[in-house]
Amino acid sequence: MERVTLRIPKQQIEEVEQMVETGEFPNRSEAIRAAVRDMLNEQEETTDQTTGKRSWAKV
């Protein structure tokens, strides 16, 4: 696994911390990994089957 440093708005981190405190995730890292997995899965589902390109923008 690689380490990644990123900046996240304080309010979002507080919300992630709340999910950790309530036991939804064991720690912040796992919560963020789950969010990235969900994003990648969602983008995979919106990949244009004809061009093979991802549709990143949502309208």
N, C-alpha and C. Protein backbone atom coordinates (compact mmCIF):
# COMPACT_ATOMS: atom_id res chain seq x y z
N MET A 1 0.84 -1.17 0.00
CA MET A 1 0.00 0.00 0.00
C MET A 1 0.89 1.23 0.00
N GLU A 2 0.46 2.26 -0.72
CA GLU A 2 1.21 3.50 -0.75
C GLU A 2 0.57 4.54 0.15
N ARG A 3 1.40 5.42 0.68
CA ARG A 3 0.91 6.52 1.51
C ARG A 3 0.63 7.71 0.61
N VAL A 4 -0.51 8.35 0.82
CA VAL A 4 -0.91 9.52 0.06
C VAL A 4 -1.26 10.62 1.05
N THR A 5 -0.75 11.80 0.80
CA THR A 5 -1.08 12.95 1.64
C THR A 5 -2.06 13.82 0.88
N LEU A 6 -3.17 14.19 1.53
CA LEU A 6 -4.14 15.05 0.87
C LEU A 6 -4.75 16.00 1.87
N ARG A 7 -5.30 17.06 1.36
CA ARG A 7 -5.97 18.05 2.19
C ARG A 7 -7.47 17.90 2.01
N ILE A 8 -8.18 17.84 3.14
CA ILE A 8 -9.62 17.67 3.12
C ILE A 8 -10.20 18.73 4.04
N PRO A 9 -11.29 19.38 3.62
CA PRO A 9 -11.89 20.40 4.48
C PRO A 9 -12.23 19.85 5.87
N LYS A 10 -12.05 20.70 6.87
CA LYS A 10 -12.24 20.31 8.27
C LYS A 10 -13.62 19.67 8.51
N GLN A 11 -14.66 20.25 7.92
CA GLN A 11 -16.00 19.72 8.12
C GLN A 11 -16.10 18.27 7.63
N GLN A 12 -15.48 17.97 6.50
CA GLN A 12 -15.53 16.61 5.97
C GLN A 12 -14.77 15.65 6.87
N ILE A 13 -13.63 16.08 7.39
CA ILE A 13 -12.87 15.21 8.30
C ILE A 13 -13.68 14.97 9.57
N GLU A 14 -14.36 15.99 10.05
CA GLU A 14 -15.19 15.82 11.25
C GLU A 14 -16.29 14.79 10.99
N GLU A 15 -16.86 14.81 9.79
CA GLU A 15 -17.88 13.83 9.45
C GLU A 15 -17.30 12.42 9.37
N VAL A 16 -16.10 12.31 8.81
CA VAL A 16 -15.43 11.01 8.76
C VAL A 16 -15.14 10.53 10.17
N GLU A 17 -14.65 11.42 11.02
CA GLU A 17 -14.37 11.07 12.42
C GLU A 17 -15.62 10.56 13.12
N GLN A 18 -16.75 11.17 12.81
CA GLN A 18 -18.02 10.73 13.43
C GLN A 18 -18.33 9.30 13.00
N MET A 19 -18.08 8.97 11.74
CA MET A 19 -18.33 7.60 11.27
C MET A 19 -17.39 6.62 11.96
N VAL A 20 -16.19 7.05 12.26
CA VAL A 20 -15.24 6.20 12.99
C VAL A 20 -15.73 6.02 14.43
N GLU A 21 -16.15 7.11 15.05
CA GLU A 21 -16.61 7.06 16.44
C GLU A 21 -17.84 6.17 16.61
N THR A 22 -18.71 6.16 15.59
CA THR A 22 -19.93 5.34 15.69
C THR A 22 -19.68 3.90 15.26
N GLY A 23 -18.45 3.60 14.84
CA GLY A 23 -18.10 2.23 14.50
C GLY A 23 -18.37 1.83 13.07
N GLU A 24 -18.77 2.80 12.24
CA GLU A 24 -19.02 2.48 10.83
C GLU A 24 -17.73 2.08 10.11
N PHE A 25 -16.61 2.68 10.54
CA PHE A 25 -15.29 2.36 10.01
C PHE A 25 -14.32 2.26 11.17
N PRO A 26 -13.29 1.44 11.05
CA PRO A 26 -12.33 1.29 12.14
C PRO A 26 -11.40 2.50 12.30
N ASN A 27 -11.18 3.25 11.21
CA ASN A 27 -10.30 4.42 11.28
C ASN A 27 -10.54 5.29 10.05
N ARG A 28 -9.94 6.49 10.06
CA ARG A 28 -10.12 7.42 8.95
C ARG A 28 -9.60 6.86 7.64
N SER A 29 -8.46 6.20 7.69
CA SER A 29 -7.88 5.66 6.46
C SER A 29 -8.83 4.69 5.77
N GLU A 30 -9.45 3.81 6.55
CA GLU A 30 -10.36 2.84 5.95
C GLU A 30 -11.60 3.53 5.39
N ALA A 31 -12.07 4.57 6.06
CA ALA A 31 -13.22 5.32 5.56
C ALA A 31 -12.89 5.98 4.22
N ILE A 32 -11.71 6.56 4.11
CA ILE A 32 -11.31 7.21 2.87
C ILE A 32 -11.07 6.18 1.78
N ARG A 33 -10.46 5.04 2.12
CA ARG A 33 -10.28 3.98 1.13
C ARG A 33 -11.63 3.51 0.60
N ALA A 34 -12.62 3.38 1.48
CA ALA A 34 -13.96 2.95 1.05
C ALA A 34 -14.58 3.98 0.11
N ALA A 35 -14.37 5.27 0.40
CA ALA A 35 -14.91 6.32 -0.47
C ALA A 35 -14.27 6.27 -1.84
N VAL A 36 -12.96 6.03 -1.89
CA VAL A 36 -12.26 5.94 -3.17
C VAL A 36 -12.75 4.71 -3.94
N ARG A 37 -12.90 3.58 -3.26
CA ARG A 37 -13.42 2.38 -3.92
C ARG A 37 -14.81 2.63 -4.51
N ASP A 38 -15.67 3.28 -3.73
CA ASP A 38 -17.02 3.58 -4.21
C ASP A 38 -16.98 4.48 -5.44
N MET A 39 -16.11 5.50 -5.41
CA MET A 39 -15.99 6.40 -6.54
C MET A 39 -15.51 5.65 -7.78
N LEU A 40 -14.51 4.81 -7.62
CA LEU A 40 -13.99 4.05 -8.76
C LEU A 40 -15.03 3.09 -9.31
N ASN A 41 -15.78 2.43 -8.44
CA ASN A 41 -16.84 1.52 -8.89
C ASN A 41 -17.92 2.27 -9.63
N GLU A 42 -18.29 3.43 -9.12
CA GLU A 42 -19.31 4.25 -9.77
C GLU A 42 -18.84 4.71 -11.14
N GLN A 43 -17.59 5.13 -11.23
CA GLN A 43 -17.06 5.58 -12.51
C GLN A 43 -16.95 4.42 -13.50
N GLU A 44 -16.63 3.25 -13.00
CA GLU A 44 -16.55 2.08 -13.86
C GLU A 44 -17.90 1.79 -14.49
N GLU A 45 -18.96 1.99 -13.71
CA GLU A 45 -20.32 1.75 -14.21
C GLU A 45 -20.72 2.76 -15.26
N THR A 46 -20.12 3.95 -15.24
CA THR A 46 -20.48 4.99 -16.21
C THR A 46 -19.53 5.05 -17.38
N THR A 47 -18.60 4.09 -17.47
CA THR A 47 -17.68 4.05 -18.60
C THR A 47 -18.46 3.83 -19.88
N ASP A 48 -18.18 4.65 -20.86
CA ASP A 48 -18.83 4.52 -22.17
C ASP A 48 -18.35 3.22 -22.81
N GLN A 49 -19.26 2.32 -23.06
CA GLN A 49 -18.91 1.00 -23.60
C GLN A 49 -18.36 1.08 -25.02
N THR A 50 -18.73 2.12 -25.77
CA THR A 50 -18.27 2.20 -27.16
C THR A 50 -16.86 2.78 -27.27
N THR A 51 -16.53 3.76 -26.41
CA THR A 51 -15.21 4.39 -26.51
C THR A 51 -14.25 3.88 -25.45
N GLY A 52 -14.80 3.28 -24.40
CA GLY A 52 -13.96 2.83 -23.30
C GLY A 52 -13.51 3.95 -22.39
N LYS A 53 -14.03 5.15 -22.64
CA LYS A 53 -13.63 6.30 -21.81
C LYS A 53 -14.59 6.45 -20.65
N ARG A 54 -14.05 6.97 -19.56
CA ARG A 54 -14.88 7.24 -18.39
C ARG A 54 -15.61 8.57 -18.56
N SER A 55 -16.81 8.60 -18.06
CA SER A 55 -17.58 9.82 -18.10
C SER A 55 -17.46 10.49 -16.73
N TRP A 56 -16.44 11.32 -16.56
CA TRP A 56 -16.16 11.89 -15.24
C TRP A 56 -17.17 12.96 -14.84
N ALA A 57 -17.60 13.75 -15.77
CA ALA A 57 -18.52 14.84 -15.43
C ALA A 57 -19.94 14.30 -15.37
N LYS A 58 -20.64 14.75 -14.34
CA LYS A 58 -22.04 14.37 -14.21
C LYS A 58 -22.89 15.60 -14.50
N VAL A 59 -23.94 15.41 -15.22
CA VAL A 59 -24.82 16.53 -15.59
C VAL A 59 -26.08 16.46 -14.77
